[in-house]
C-alpha atoms as a PDB file:
ATOM      1  CA  MET A   1     123.532  61.776  95.151  1.00  0.00           C
ATOM      2  CA  ASP A   2     119.842  60.769  95.017  1.00  0.00           C
ATOM      3  CA  SER A   3     119.682  61.109  98.772  1.00  0.00           C
ATOM      4  CA  LEU A   4     121.122  64.645  98.645  1.00  0.00           C
ATOM      5  CA  SER A   5     118.698  65.602  95.875  1.00  0.00           C
ATOM      6  CA  ARG A   6     115.763  64.190  97.850  1.00  0.00           C
ATOM      7  CA  ASN A   7     116.813  66.050 100.995  1.00  0.00           C
ATOM      8  CA  TYR A   8     117.158  69.260  98.979  1.00  0.00           C
ATOM      9  CA  ARG A   9     113.639  68.882  97.559  1.00  0.00           C
ATOM     10  CA  ILE A  10     112.222  68.149 101.011  1.00  0.00           C
ATOM     11  CA  ASN A  11     113.956  71.167 102.569  1.00  0.00           C
ATOM     12  CA  ARG A  12     112.803  73.391  99.724  1.00  0.00           C
ATOM     13  CA  PHE A  13     109.220  72.122 100.095  1.00  0.00           C
ATOM     14  CA  PHE A  14     109.102  72.899 103.819  1.00  0.00           C
ATOM     15  CA  THR A  15     110.776  76.280 103.249  1.00  0.00           C
ATOM     16  CA  TYR A  16     108.115  77.266 100.720  1.00  0.00           C
ATOM     17  CA  LEU A  17     105.403  75.846 102.966  1.00  0.00           C
ATOM     18  CA  VAL A  18     106.513  77.969 105.933  1.00  0.00           C
ATOM     19  CA  LEU A  19     106.861  81.078 103.755  1.00  0.00           C
ATOM     20  CA  THR A  20     103.402  80.505 102.262  1.00  0.00           C
ATOM     21  CA  ILE A  21     101.817  80.140 105.697  1.00  0.00           C
ATOM     22  CA  MET A  22     103.543  83.319 106.895  1.00  0.00           C
ATOM     23  CA  ALA A  23     102.401  85.196 103.775  1.00  0.00           C
ATOM     24  CA  ILE A  24      98.796  84.085 104.330  1.00  0.00           C
ATOM     25  CA  ILE A  25      98.930  85.173 107.972  1.00  0.00           C
ATOM     26  CA  MET A  26     100.205  88.617 106.946  1.00  0.00           C
ATOM     27  CA  LEU A  27      97.542  88.956 104.235  1.00  0.00           C
ATOM     28  CA  VAL A  28      94.611  88.077 106.527  1.00  0.00           C
ATOM     29  CA  PRO A  29      94.305  91.616 108.015  1.00  0.00           C
ATOM     30  CA  PHE A  30      94.255  93.141 104.517  1.00  0.00           C
ATOM     31  CA  ALA A  31      91.627  90.679 103.338  1.00  0.00           C
ATOM     32  CA  TRP A  32      89.564  91.369 106.471  1.00  0.00           C
ATOM     33  CA  MET A  33      89.862  95.110 105.883  1.00  0.00           C
ATOM     34  CA  ILE A  34      88.650  94.839 102.284  1.00  0.00           C
ATOM     35  CA  LEU A  35      85.775  92.490 103.167  1.00  0.00           C
ATOM     36  CA  THR A  36      84.654  94.751 106.037  1.00  0.00           C
ATOM     37  CA  ALA A  37      84.673  97.721 103.643  1.00  0.00           C
ATOM     38  CA  VAL A  38      81.916  96.127 101.532  1.00  0.00           C
ATOM     39  CA  LYS A  39      79.684  95.045 104.436  1.00  0.00           C
ATOM     40  CA  THR A  40      76.931  96.830 106.301  1.00  0.00           C
ATOM     41  CA  ASN A  41      77.747  98.138 109.771  1.00  0.00           C
ATOM     42  CA  GLN A  42      75.549  95.445 111.336  1.00  0.00           C
ATOM     43  CA  GLU A  43      77.533  92.722 109.561  1.00  0.00           C
ATOM     44  CA  ALA A  44      80.832  94.388 110.468  1.00  0.00           C
ATOM     45  CA  ILE A  45      80.094  94.413 114.215  1.00  0.00           C
ATOM     46  CA  SER A  46      78.494  90.962 114.262  1.00  0.00           C
ATOM     47  CA  VAL A  47      80.063  88.548 116.733  1.00  0.00           C
ATOM     48  CA  ASN A  48      79.297  85.592 114.446  1.00  0.00           C
ATOM     49  CA  PRO A  49      82.727  84.327 113.353  1.00  0.00           C
ATOM     50  CA  PHE A  50      81.265  82.887 110.136  1.00  0.00           C
ATOM     51  CA  TYR A  51      80.247  86.312 108.806  1.00  0.00           C
ATOM     52  CA  ILE A  52      83.475  86.630 106.863  1.00  0.00           C
ATOM     53  CA  PHE A  53      81.831  87.638 103.595  1.00  0.00           C
ATOM     54  CA  PRO A  54      78.857  90.012 103.180  1.00  0.00           C
ATOM     55  CA  GLN A  55      75.640  88.078 103.730  1.00  0.00           C
ATOM     56  CA  VAL A  56      73.438  89.761 101.114  1.00  0.00           C
ATOM     57  CA  ASP A  57      75.125  92.376  98.901  1.00  0.00           C
ATOM     58  CA  TRP A  58      78.637  93.657  98.435  1.00  0.00           C
ATOM     59  CA  HIS A  59      78.371  97.367  99.223  1.00  0.00           C
ATOM     60  CA  TRP A  60      80.960  98.873  96.886  1.00  0.00           C
ATOM     61  CA  GLU A  61      79.196 102.196  97.245  1.00  0.00           C
ATOM     62  CA  ASN A  62      80.986 102.596 100.605  1.00  0.00           C
ATOM     63  CA  PHE A  63      84.095 103.629  98.679  1.00  0.00           C
ATOM     64  CA  GLY A  64      82.219 106.294  96.734  1.00  0.00           C
ATOM     65  CA  LYS A  65      80.617 107.642  99.898  1.00  0.00           C
ATOM     66  CA  VAL A  66      83.987 107.897 101.642  1.00  0.00           C
ATOM     67  CA  TRP A  67      85.650 109.506  98.607  1.00  0.00           C
ATOM     68  CA  LYS A  68      83.032 112.252  98.485  1.00  0.00           C
ATOM     69  CA  SER A  69      82.720 112.796 102.238  1.00  0.00           C
ATOM     70  CA  TYR A  70      86.377 113.064 103.268  1.00  0.00           C
ATOM     71  CA  ASN A  71      87.989 114.872 100.294  1.00  0.00           C
ATOM     72  CA  PHE A  72      90.608 112.227  99.541  1.00  0.00           C
ATOM     73  CA  ILE A  73      92.067 114.284  96.707  1.00  0.00           C
ATOM     74  CA  THR A  74      93.299 116.842  99.266  1.00  0.00           C
ATOM     75  CA  LEU A  75      94.544 114.104 101.605  1.00  0.00           C
ATOM     76  CA  TYR A  76      96.439 112.427  98.757  1.00  0.00           C
ATOM     77  CA  LYS A  77      97.998 115.741  97.684  1.00  0.00           C
ATOM     78  CA  ASN A  78      99.084 116.641 101.221  1.00  0.00           C
ATOM     79  CA  THR A  79     100.507 113.179 101.860  1.00  0.00           C
ATOM     80  CA  ILE A  80     102.415 113.009  98.568  1.00  0.00           C
ATOM     81  CA  LEU A  81     103.930 116.474  99.119  1.00  0.00           C
ATOM     82  CA  PHE A  82     104.802 115.514 102.702  1.00  0.00           C
ATOM     83  CA  ILE A  83     106.542 112.312 101.601  1.00  0.00           C
ATOM     84  CA  PHE A  84     108.318 113.966  98.650  1.00  0.00           C
ATOM     85  CA  PHE A  85     109.852 116.810 100.668  1.00  0.00           C
ATOM     86  CA  ARG A  86     110.746 114.505 103.576  1.00  0.00           C
ATOM     87  CA  VAL A  87     112.599 112.172 101.200  1.00  0.00           C
ATOM     88  CA  VAL A  88     114.395 115.008  99.380  1.00  0.00           C
ATOM     89  CA  CYS A  89     115.489 116.745 102.599  1.00  0.00           C
ATOM     90  CA  ALA A  90     116.541 113.505 104.309  1.00  0.00           C
ATOM     91  CA  CYS A  91     118.607 112.282 101.351  1.00  0.00           C
ATOM     92  CA  LEU A  92     120.200 115.684 100.747  1.00  0.00           C
ATOM     93  CA  THR A  93     121.328 116.312 104.318  1.00  0.00           C
ATOM     94  CA  ALA A  94     122.183 112.692 105.111  1.00  0.00           C
ATOM     95  CA  THR A  95     124.446 112.204 102.104  1.00  0.00           C
ATOM     96  CA  MET A  96     126.455 115.358 102.874  1.00  0.00           C
ATOM     97  CA  ALA A  97     126.727 114.562 106.578  1.00  0.00           C
ATOM     98  CA  GLY A  98     127.504 110.914 105.837  1.00  0.00           C
ATOM     99  CA  TYR A  99     130.310 111.895 103.475  1.00  0.00           C
ATOM    100  CA  ALA A 100     131.773 114.292 106.032  1.00  0.00           C
ATOM    101  CA  PHE A 101     131.718 111.700 108.824  1.00  0.00           C
ATOM    102  CA  GLY A 102     132.828 108.828 106.600  1.00  0.00           C
ATOM    103  CA  ARG A 103     135.601 110.373 104.497  1.00  0.00           C
ATOM    104  CA  LEU A 104     136.774 113.689 105.964  1.00  0.00           C
ATOM    105  CA  GLU A 105     138.836 114.522 109.042  1.00  0.00           C
ATOM    106  CA  PHE A 106     137.944 117.555 111.163  1.00  0.00           C
ATOM    107  CA  PRO A 107     138.081 118.560 114.851  1.00  0.00           C
ATOM    108  CA  GLY A 108     135.275 117.114 116.981  1.00  0.00           C
ATOM    109  CA  LYS A 109     134.307 114.494 114.417  1.00  0.00           C
ATOM    110  CA  LYS A 110     133.995 111.612 116.882  1.00  0.00           C
ATOM    111  CA  LEU A 111     132.070 113.715 119.394  1.00  0.00           C
ATOM    112  CA  MET A 112     129.620 114.951 116.768  1.00  0.00           C
ATOM    113  CA  PHE A 113     128.997 111.464 115.420  1.00  0.00           C
ATOM    114  CA  SER A 114     128.477 110.219 118.973  1.00  0.00           C
ATOM    115  CA  LEU A 115     125.742 112.840 119.328  1.00  0.00           C
ATOM    116  CA  VAL A 116     124.150 111.501 116.149  1.00  0.00           C
ATOM    117  CA  LEU A 117     124.142 107.978 117.586  1.00  0.00           C
ATOM    118  CA  ILE A 118     122.719 109.235 120.890  1.00  0.00           C
ATOM    119  CA  GLN A 119     119.908 110.976 119.001  1.00  0.00           C
ATOM    120  CA  MET A 120     119.014 107.632 117.395  1.00  0.00           C
ATOM    121  CA  MET A 121     118.627 106.094 120.865  1.00  0.00           C
ATOM    122  CA  ILE A 122     116.245 108.764 122.174  1.00  0.00           C
ATOM    123  CA  PRO A 123     112.503 108.307 121.499  1.00  0.00           C
ATOM    124  CA  SER A 124     111.315 110.826 118.916  1.00  0.00           C
ATOM    125  CA  GLN A 125     108.353 111.816 121.120  1.00  0.00           C
ATOM    126  CA  ILE A 126     110.751 113.652 123.448  1.00  0.00           C
ATOM    127  CA  PHE A 127     111.447 116.208 120.701  1.00  0.00           C
ATOM    128  CA  ILE A 128     107.791 116.989 119.950  1.00  0.00           C
ATOM    129  CA  ILE A 129     107.455 119.965 122.334  1.00  0.00           C
ATOM    130  CA  PRO A 130     110.620 121.838 121.205  1.00  0.00           C
ATOM    131  CA  GLN A 131     109.811 121.060 117.560  1.00  0.00           C
ATOM    132  CA  TYR A 132     106.273 122.352 118.026  1.00  0.00           C
ATOM    133  CA  LEU A 133     107.559 125.566 119.629  1.00  0.00           C
ATOM    134  CA  MET A 134     109.983 126.137 116.770  1.00  0.00           C
ATOM    135  CA  VAL A 135     107.307 125.540 114.117  1.00  0.00           C
ATOM    136  CA  SER A 136     104.948 127.865 115.962  1.00  0.00           C
ATOM    137  CA  LYS A 137     107.573 130.633 116.176  1.00  0.00           C
ATOM    138  CA  LEU A 138     108.264 130.249 112.447  1.00  0.00           C
ATOM    139  CA  HIS A 139     104.499 130.522 111.729  1.00  0.00           C
ATOM    140  CA  TRP A 140     104.526 127.174 109.916  1.00  0.00           C
ATOM    141  CA  MET A 141     101.428 125.709 111.568  1.00  0.00           C
ATOM    142  CA  ASN A 142      99.062 124.091 109.037  1.00  0.00           C
ATOM    143  CA  THR A 143     101.692 124.189 106.298  1.00  0.00           C
ATOM    144  CA  THR A 144     103.731 121.600 104.396  1.00  0.00           C
ATOM    145  CA  ALA A 145     106.907 123.217 105.775  1.00  0.00           C
ATOM    146  CA  GLY A 146     105.684 122.509 109.299  1.00  0.00           C
ATOM    147  CA  LEU A 147     105.007 118.875 108.414  1.00  0.00           C
ATOM    148  CA  VAL A 148     108.460 118.400 106.876  1.00  0.00           C
ATOM    149  CA  PHE A 149     110.377 120.272 109.613  1.00  0.00           C
ATOM    150  CA  PRO A 150     111.281 117.291 111.908  1.00  0.00           C
ATOM    151  CA  GLY A 151     112.543 115.353 108.893  1.00  0.00           C
ATOM    152  CA  LEU A 152     114.940 117.992 107.556  1.00  0.00           C
ATOM    153  CA  VAL A 153     117.786 115.920 109.005  1.00  0.00           C
ATOM    154  CA  THR A 154     117.852 112.257 109.949  1.00  0.00           C
ATOM    155  CA  ALA A 155     120.254 110.524 112.306  1.00  0.00           C
ATOM    156  CA  PHE A 156     119.464 107.124 110.814  1.00  0.00           C
ATOM    157  CA  GLY A 157     120.186 108.419 107.300  1.00  0.00           C
ATOM    158  CA  THR A 158     123.447 109.977 108.412  1.00  0.00           C
ATOM    159  CA  TYR A 159     124.564 106.694 109.967  1.00  0.00           C
ATOM    160  CA  LEU A 160     123.476 104.703 106.893  1.00  0.00           C
ATOM    161  CA  LEU A 161     125.285 106.956 104.417  1.00  0.00           C
ATOM    162  CA  LYS A 162     128.383 107.223 106.617  1.00  0.00           C
ATOM    163  CA  THR A 163     128.638 103.427 106.599  1.00  0.00           C
ATOM    164  CA  SER A 164     128.143 103.369 102.837  1.00  0.00           C
ATOM    165  CA  TYR A 165     130.856 105.966 102.192  1.00  0.00           C
ATOM    166  CA  GLN A 166     133.273 104.186 104.524  1.00  0.00           C
ATOM    167  CA  GLY A 167     132.960 101.058 102.405  1.00  0.00           C
ATOM    168  CA  LEU A 168     134.301 102.775  99.280  1.00  0.00           C
ATOM    169  CA  PRO A 169     138.030 102.376  98.455  1.00  0.00           C
ATOM    170  CA  ARG A 170     140.356 105.263  99.243  1.00  0.00           C
ATOM    171  CA  ASP A 171     141.937 104.931  95.787  1.00  0.00           C
ATOM    172  CA  LEU A 172     138.930 106.659  94.216  1.00  0.00           C
ATOM    173  CA  GLU A 173     139.567 109.882  96.137  1.00  0.00           C
ATOM    174  CA  GLU A 174     143.276 109.764  95.462  1.00  0.00           C
ATOM    175  CA  ALA A 175     142.686 109.328  91.732  1.00  0.00           C
ATOM    176  CA  ALA A 176     140.226 112.243  91.755  1.00  0.00           C
ATOM    177  CA  GLN A 177     142.763 114.470  93.547  1.00  0.00           C
ATOM    178  CA  ILE A 178     145.447 113.573  91.003  1.00  0.00           C
ATOM    179  CA  ASP A 179     143.025 114.631  88.250  1.00  0.00           C
ATOM    180  CA  GLY A 180     142.593 118.003  89.956  1.00  0.00           C
ATOM    181  CA  CYS A 181     139.216 117.519  91.700  1.00  0.00           C
ATOM    182  CA  ASN A 182     138.582 119.408  94.921  1.00  0.00           C
ATOM    183  CA  ILE A 183     136.529 117.997  97.823  1.00  0.00           C
ATOM    184  CA  GLY A 184     133.219 119.170  96.385  1.00  0.00           C
ATOM    185  CA  GLN A 185     133.882 117.719  92.936  1.00  0.00           C
ATOM    186  CA  THR A 186     135.118 114.455  94.406  1.00  0.00           C
ATOM    187  CA  PHE A 187     131.956 114.162  96.475  1.00  0.00           C
ATOM    188  CA  LEU A 188     129.544 115.186  93.720  1.00  0.00           C
ATOM    189  CA  PHE A 189     130.964 113.372  90.699  1.00  0.00           C
ATOM    190  CA  ILE A 190     132.880 110.415  92.146  1.00  0.00           C
ATOM    191  CA  MET A 191     131.580 109.337  95.542  1.00  0.00           C
ATOM    192  CA  LEU A 192     127.891 110.305  95.448  1.00  0.00           C
ATOM    193  CA  PRO A 193     126.952 108.140  92.416  1.00  0.00           C
ATOM    194  CA  LEU A 194     128.503 105.090  94.104  1.00  0.00           C
ATOM    195  CA  THR A 195     126.105 105.324  97.066  1.00  0.00           C
ATOM    196  CA  ARG A 196     122.985 105.069  94.867  1.00  0.00           C
ATOM    197  CA  SER A 197     121.690 101.892  96.552  1.00  0.00           C
ATOM    198  CA  ALA A 198     122.058 103.387 100.038  1.00  0.00           C
ATOM    199  CA  MET A 199     120.289 106.570  98.883  1.00  0.00           C
ATOM    200  CA  ILE A 200     117.416 104.515  97.484  1.00  0.00           C
ATOM    201  CA  SER A 201     117.236 102.581 100.765  1.00  0.00           C
ATOM    202  CA  LEU A 202     117.068 105.796 102.760  1.00  0.00           C
ATOM    203  CA  GLY A 203     114.428 107.241 100.427  1.00  0.00           C
ATOM    204  CA  ILE A 204     112.212 104.171 100.763  1.00  0.00           C
ATOM    205  CA  PHE A 205     112.526 104.003 104.544  1.00  0.00           C
ATOM    206  CA  THR A 206     111.904 107.743 104.868  1.00  0.00           C
ATOM    207  CA  ALA A 207     108.809 107.493 102.676  1.00  0.00           C
ATOM    208  CA  LEU A 208     107.426 104.630 104.782  1.00  0.00           C
ATOM    209  CA  PHE A 209     108.125 106.380 108.072  1.00  0.00           C
ATOM    210  CA  ALA A 210     106.547 109.599 106.769  1.00  0.00           C
ATOM    211  CA  PHE A 211     103.466 107.761 105.530  1.00  0.00           C
ATOM    212  CA  LYS A 212     102.987 106.073 108.914  1.00  0.00           C
ATOM    213  CA  ASP A 213     103.636 109.234 110.936  1.00  0.00           C
ATOM    214  CA  LEU A 214     100.455 110.008 112.886  1.00  0.00           C
ATOM    215  CA  MET A 215     101.277 112.121 115.925  1.00  0.00           C
ATOM    216  CA  TRP A 216     103.150 114.998 114.259  1.00  0.00           C
ATOM    217  CA  PRO A 217     100.571 115.673 111.473  1.00  0.00           C
ATOM    218  CA  MET A 218      97.764 115.685 114.055  1.00  0.00           C
ATOM    219  CA  ILE A 219      99.662 118.232 116.171  1.00  0.00           C
ATOM    220  CA  VAL A 220     100.986 120.624 113.549  1.00  0.00           C
ATOM    221  CA  CYS A 221      98.248 120.313 110.894  1.00  0.00           C
ATOM    222  CA  PRO A 222      94.872 119.882 112.638  1.00  0.00           C
ATOM    223  CA  SER A 223      93.039 121.526 109.716  1.00  0.00           C
ATOM    224  CA  ALA A 224      91.295 119.140 107.295  1.00  0.00           C
ATOM    225  CA  GLU A 225      92.792 121.090 104.372  1.00  0.00           C
ATOM    226  CA  THR A 226      96.413 120.479 105.370  1.00  0.00           C
ATOM    227  CA  THR A 227      96.418 117.145 107.198  1.00  0.00           C
ATOM    228  CA  THR A 228      97.694 113.807 105.844  1.00  0.00           C
ATOM    229  CA  LEU A 229      96.051 110.449 105.246  1.00  0.00           C
ATOM    230  CA  SER A 230      97.137 108.926 108.566  1.00  0.00           C
ATOM    231  CA  ALA A 231      95.791 111.855 110.599  1.00  0.00           C
ATOM    232  CA  GLY A 232      92.657 112.041 108.460  1.00  0.00           C
ATOM    233  CA  LEU A 233      91.877 108.378 109.138  1.00  0.00           C
ATOM    234  CA  ALA A 234      92.384 108.866 112.878  1.00  0.00           C
ATOM    235  CA  LYS A 235      89.843 111.698 112.898  1.00  0.00           C
ATOM    236  CA  MET A 236      87.184 109.411 111.413  1.00  0.00           C
ATOM    237  CA  GLN A 237      86.763 107.587 114.708  1.00  0.00           C
ATOM    238  CA  GLY A 238      83.695 108.635 116.662  1.00  0.00           C
ATOM    239  CA  GLN A 239      83.498 109.178 120.401  1.00  0.00           C
ATOM    240  CA  TYR A 240      80.456 106.943 120.968  1.00  0.00           C
ATOM    241  CA  GLY A 241      80.389 104.736 117.889  1.00  0.00           C
ATOM    242  CA  ASN A 242      82.121 103.940 114.615  1.00  0.00           C
ATOM    243  CA  ASP A 243      80.969 103.152 111.103  1.00  0.00           C
ATOM    244  CA  TYR A 244      83.458 100.348 110.519  1.00  0.00           C
ATOM    245  CA  PRO A 245      82.737  99.745 106.807  1.00  0.00           C
ATOM    246  CA  THR A 246      83.374 103.427 106.158  1.00  0.00           C
ATOM    247  CA  MET A 247      86.592 103.350 108.175  1.00  0.00           C
ATOM    248  CA  MET A 248      87.821 100.225 106.389  1.00  0.00           C
ATOM    249  CA  ALA A 249      86.960 101.699 102.983  1.00  0.00           C
ATOM    250  CA  SER A 250      88.972 104.772 103.955  1.00  0.00           C
ATOM    251  CA  ALA A 251      91.891 102.578 105.020  1.00  0.00           C
ATOM    252  CA  VAL A 252      91.821 100.726 101.693  1.00  0.00           C
ATOM    253  CA  LEU A 253      91.933 104.034  99.795  1.00  0.00           C
ATOM    254  CA  ALA A 254      94.692 105.305 102.082  1.00  0.00           C
ATOM    255  CA  ILE A 255      97.106 102.453 101.326  1.00  0.00           C
ATOM    256  CA  VAL A 256      96.841 102.898  97.545  1.00  0.00           C
ATOM    257  CA  PRO A 257      99.787 105.377  97.294  1.00  0.00           C
ATOM    258  CA  MET A 258     102.176 103.077  99.149  1.00  0.00           C
ATOM    259  CA  ILE A 259     101.081 100.059  97.088  1.00  0.00           C
ATOM    260  CA  VAL A 260     101.812 102.028  93.911  1.00  0.00           C
ATOM    261  CA  ILE A 261     105.204 103.121  95.282  1.00  0.00           C
ATOM    262  CA  TYR A 262     106.040  99.523  96.220  1.00  0.00           C
ATOM    263  CA  ILE A 263     105.052  98.172  92.791  1.00  0.00           C
ATOM    264  CA  ILE A 264     107.205 100.789  91.041  1.00  0.00           C
ATOM    265  CA  PHE A 265     110.219 100.437  93.340  1.00  0.00           C
ATOM    266  CA  GLN A 266     109.888  96.761  94.315  1.00  0.00           C
ATOM    267  CA  LYS A 267     113.389  95.836  93.131  1.00  0.00           C
ATOM    268  CA  GLN A 268     114.977  98.834  94.855  1.00  0.00           C
ATOM    269  CA  PHE A 269     113.007  98.102  98.029  1.00  0.00           C
ATOM    270  CA  VAL A 270     114.401  94.561  98.279  1.00  0.00           C
ATOM    271  CA  GLU A 271     117.908  95.776  97.446  1.00  0.00           C
ATOM    272  CA  GLY A 272     117.594  98.530 100.032  1.00  0.00           C
ATOM    273  CA  ILE A 273     116.754  96.130 102.840  1.00  0.00           C
ATOM    274  CA  ALA A 274     119.591  93.803 101.816  1.00  0.00           C
ATOM    275  CA  THR A 275     122.049  96.717 101.603  1.00  0.00           C
ATOM    276  CA  SER A 276     121.200  98.464 104.853  1.00  0.00           C
ATOM    277  CA  GLY A 277     120.293  95.482 106.979  1.00  0.00           C
ATOM    278  CA  GLY A 278     117.511  97.683 108.396  1.00  0.00           C
ATOM    279  CA  LYS A 279     114.044  96.656 109.364  1.00  0.00           C
ATOM    280  CA  LEU A 280     110.711  98.441 109.643  1.00  0.00           C
END
């Protein structure tokens, strides 16, 4: 018994040791970003590997300079609206499509779902030109509607919700039909609430993908008044030189919304990954 207990403690120690080392490795880029944000440009581009911390002063004023120069209030507003509407549209369309594919029978069901799976296998960059032409014809350039347009439907969300609905027992629908519920009532009041964890998973993944989306905002919203944080940061790079402390200060300010979202929805985030088996 003592031997088993000792082996358990040893295994647990090495498990925590490996996890701690991995956590430190993942945190190094964030620490480097924050430390670079409070340096001078000369210190930031120094090749001396021991210049980890600022040598003289910590230049916190870099954050104030960036905040005033790049209108972060507008970038925050555009990004939050972009994420909100992407999440709402993705969850709304995916849950209805997932219920149809998972619980209903109709002609062409297998063919249509095969097309959904095929769309998941095709790189999203292939759709940029037709999506751009459609947004242009709709006169949605430099608008939130244009930003949200490619995310109105999601193949990944449809697959995720279809799997979730398929896992529910058939007895629930039969009981609802006996009580006089039609298809819409069964979906809305019985089945939809039971897929809450999958919906939260889809919302979190959609928010992360939207936040990281760079190419589409730069194409459809080139104006500084309508662009998002990711595209705004990309435009801060110079052709012949870069002010790295300013760029790192901007990056620190840019990740604040996602840190807040993660802190608020930390439990749901972990449950979402465990439920969906997805990865970023």
